N, C-alpha and C. Protein backbone atom coordinates (compact mmCIF):
# COMPACT_ATOMS: atom_id res chain seq x y z
N MET A 1 151.60 136.94 132.48
CA MET A 1 151.60 135.90 131.12
C MET A 1 152.04 134.54 131.35
N ASN A 2 151.35 133.79 130.86
CA ASN A 2 151.70 132.26 131.10
C ASN A 2 152.54 131.64 130.11
N ILE A 3 153.98 131.60 130.51
CA ILE A 3 154.68 130.96 129.33
C ILE A 3 154.53 129.59 129.00
N LYS A 4 153.76 128.78 129.84
CA LYS A 4 153.51 127.41 129.32
C LYS A 4 152.61 127.40 128.33
N LYS A 5 152.02 128.53 128.06
CA LYS A 5 150.87 128.43 127.04
C LYS A 5 151.42 128.55 125.47
N TYR A 6 152.68 129.07 125.51
CA TYR A 6 153.70 129.18 124.35
C TYR A 6 154.66 128.23 124.26
N LEU A 7 154.97 127.73 125.29
CA LEU A 7 156.07 126.71 125.35
C LEU A 7 155.68 125.56 126.03
N PRO A 8 154.69 124.58 125.24
CA PRO A 8 154.21 123.31 125.91
C PRO A 8 155.05 122.26 126.34
N ILE A 9 156.21 122.48 126.01
CA ILE A 9 157.42 121.43 126.43
C ILE A 9 157.73 121.57 128.05
N LEU A 10 157.33 122.86 128.41
CA LEU A 10 157.58 123.10 130.05
C LEU A 10 156.40 122.45 130.80
N THR A 11 155.39 122.12 130.07
CA THR A 11 154.17 121.58 130.72
C THR A 11 154.44 119.91 130.94
N TRP A 12 154.72 119.44 129.69
CA TRP A 12 154.91 117.86 129.91
C TRP A 12 156.48 117.43 130.05
N LEU A 13 157.39 118.22 129.86
CA LEU A 13 158.72 117.77 130.42
C LEU A 13 159.00 116.96 131.58
N PRO A 14 158.37 117.79 132.68
CA PRO A 14 158.70 117.26 133.97
C PRO A 14 157.88 115.95 134.28
N ASN A 15 156.92 115.71 133.36
CA ASN A 15 156.33 114.46 133.65
C ASN A 15 156.96 113.36 132.62
N TYR A 16 157.87 113.57 132.00
CA TYR A 16 158.34 112.70 130.80
C TYR A 16 159.00 111.21 131.38
N ARG A 17 158.37 110.42 131.00
CA ARG A 17 159.05 109.00 131.66
C ARG A 17 159.97 108.28 130.62
N LEU A 18 160.72 107.42 131.06
CA LEU A 18 161.63 106.65 130.24
C LEU A 18 160.95 105.75 129.40
N ALA A 19 159.93 105.38 129.75
CA ALA A 19 159.20 104.15 128.94
C ALA A 19 158.68 105.09 127.64
N ILE A 20 158.35 106.28 128.03
CA ILE A 20 157.72 106.97 126.64
C ILE A 20 159.13 107.39 125.74
N PHE A 21 160.25 107.28 126.37
CA PHE A 21 161.41 107.70 125.35
C PHE A 21 161.67 106.59 124.42
N ASN A 22 161.64 105.38 124.82
CA ASN A 22 161.67 104.31 123.79
C ASN A 22 160.75 104.18 122.61
N GLN A 23 159.59 104.85 123.06
CA GLN A 23 158.55 105.01 121.76
C GLN A 23 158.84 106.29 121.13
N ASP A 24 159.33 107.45 121.60
CA ASP A 24 159.71 108.60 121.05
C ASP A 24 161.04 108.08 120.15
N LEU A 25 161.86 107.38 120.55
CA LEU A 25 163.18 107.07 119.90
C LEU A 25 162.65 106.30 118.58
N MET A 26 162.00 105.32 118.58
CA MET A 26 161.47 104.66 117.42
C MET A 26 160.82 105.82 116.42
N ALA A 27 160.17 106.48 116.82
CA ALA A 27 159.23 107.54 116.02
C ALA A 27 160.32 108.44 115.45
N ALA A 28 161.42 108.85 116.02
CA ALA A 28 162.47 109.69 115.45
C ALA A 28 163.38 108.85 114.52
N VAL A 29 163.32 107.68 114.69
CA VAL A 29 164.24 106.99 113.71
C VAL A 29 163.55 106.73 112.33
N ILE A 30 162.02 106.36 112.52
CA ILE A 30 161.19 106.45 111.37
C ILE A 30 161.15 107.72 110.64
N VAL A 31 161.13 108.92 111.23
CA VAL A 31 160.94 110.17 110.86
C VAL A 31 162.25 110.50 109.88
N THR A 32 163.29 110.18 110.38
CA THR A 32 164.57 110.53 109.95
C THR A 32 164.71 109.59 108.62
N VAL A 33 164.28 108.33 108.81
CA VAL A 33 164.63 107.42 107.71
C VAL A 33 163.78 107.98 106.37
N MET A 34 162.47 108.87 106.68
CA MET A 34 161.61 109.24 105.61
C MET A 34 162.24 110.72 105.42
N LEU A 35 162.70 111.43 106.30
CA LEU A 35 163.01 112.72 106.09
C LEU A 35 164.10 113.07 105.18
N VAL A 36 165.34 112.16 105.30
CA VAL A 36 166.49 112.43 104.79
C VAL A 36 166.33 112.18 103.28
N PRO A 37 165.92 110.98 102.78
CA PRO A 37 165.85 111.38 101.05
C PRO A 37 164.93 112.41 100.58
N GLN A 38 163.71 112.51 101.36
CA GLN A 38 162.88 113.70 100.89
C GLN A 38 163.55 114.99 101.10
N SER A 39 164.19 115.40 101.79
CA SER A 39 164.76 116.72 101.86
C SER A 39 166.00 116.62 100.93
N LEU A 40 166.70 115.88 100.67
CA LEU A 40 167.70 115.64 99.63
C LEU A 40 167.06 115.89 98.24
N ALA A 41 166.02 115.32 97.86
CA ALA A 41 165.40 115.40 96.63
C ALA A 41 164.73 116.67 96.49
N TYR A 42 164.18 117.17 97.67
CA TYR A 42 163.49 118.59 97.33
C TYR A 42 164.57 119.63 97.11
N ALA A 43 165.54 119.67 97.76
CA ALA A 43 166.75 120.50 97.38
C ALA A 43 167.32 120.35 95.98
N MET A 44 167.55 119.15 95.55
CA MET A 44 167.97 118.86 94.26
C MET A 44 166.96 119.48 93.05
N LEU A 45 165.50 119.19 93.47
CA LEU A 45 164.72 119.67 92.52
C LEU A 45 164.71 121.37 92.41
N ALA A 46 165.09 121.93 93.49
CA ALA A 46 165.20 123.33 93.64
C ALA A 46 166.43 123.89 92.94
N GLY A 47 167.38 123.02 92.54
CA GLY A 47 168.69 123.40 91.88
C GLY A 47 169.53 123.75 92.98
N LEU A 48 169.41 123.26 94.22
CA LEU A 48 170.29 123.44 95.32
C LEU A 48 171.13 122.22 95.52
N PRO A 49 172.30 122.58 96.21
CA PRO A 49 173.06 121.09 96.86
C PRO A 49 172.40 120.49 97.83
N PRO A 50 172.46 119.10 97.88
CA PRO A 50 171.58 118.31 98.42
C PRO A 50 171.55 118.76 100.08
N GLU A 51 172.82 119.12 100.58
CA GLU A 51 173.13 119.27 101.80
C GLU A 51 172.07 120.34 102.44
N VAL A 52 171.79 121.24 101.56
CA VAL A 52 170.84 122.50 101.96
C VAL A 52 169.61 121.84 102.34
N GLY A 53 169.07 120.72 101.63
CA GLY A 53 167.78 120.16 102.13
C GLY A 53 167.70 119.34 103.60
N LEU A 54 169.04 118.89 103.86
CA LEU A 54 169.17 118.36 105.19
C LEU A 54 169.40 119.39 106.27
N TYR A 55 169.93 120.58 105.96
CA TYR A 55 170.09 121.77 106.97
C TYR A 55 168.80 122.38 107.19
N ALA A 56 167.87 122.38 105.98
CA ALA A 56 166.51 123.13 105.96
C ALA A 56 165.62 122.06 106.84
N SER A 57 165.68 121.00 106.84
CA SER A 57 164.75 119.85 107.36
C SER A 57 165.14 119.85 108.89
N ILE A 58 166.18 120.45 109.52
CA ILE A 58 166.45 120.33 110.91
C ILE A 58 165.72 121.31 111.59
N ALA A 59 165.47 122.47 111.22
CA ALA A 59 165.00 123.78 112.11
C ALA A 59 163.55 123.29 112.42
N PRO A 60 162.67 122.86 111.37
CA PRO A 60 161.29 122.69 111.82
C PRO A 60 161.07 121.68 112.66
N LEU A 61 161.90 120.55 112.59
CA LEU A 61 161.90 119.45 113.89
C LEU A 61 162.11 120.09 115.11
N LEU A 62 163.30 120.94 115.19
CA LEU A 62 163.61 121.29 116.66
C LEU A 62 162.57 122.40 117.07
N ILE A 63 161.94 123.26 116.11
CA ILE A 63 161.03 124.11 116.48
C ILE A 63 159.70 123.41 117.02
N TYR A 64 159.44 122.32 116.19
CA TYR A 64 158.07 121.51 116.84
C TYR A 64 158.29 120.75 118.08
N ALA A 65 159.66 120.26 118.35
CA ALA A 65 159.93 119.73 119.71
C ALA A 65 159.81 120.64 120.87
N VAL A 66 159.86 121.86 120.47
CA VAL A 66 159.81 122.80 121.68
C VAL A 66 158.47 123.42 121.71
N LEU A 67 157.78 123.86 120.55
CA LEU A 67 156.44 124.45 120.55
C LEU A 67 155.22 123.34 120.50
N GLY A 68 155.63 122.15 119.95
CA GLY A 68 154.54 121.21 119.76
C GLY A 68 153.94 120.49 121.13
N THR A 69 152.89 120.17 121.06
CA THR A 69 152.16 119.55 122.46
C THR A 69 152.39 118.18 122.23
């Protein structure tokens, strides 16, 4: 069984460079700026406390970081 097939992070992480980190950091800031108000609004539309939207938006990002290519 090839675990790298299911966890792509194991393929690209050893070759990760600091130059790419700066671009990834900028992307993370932009996504955060867009995600926070959106997740708060969706939670309130669902009749839930706004904090629930923030908690619910963290898991998909972490999962994508590990499983995404």
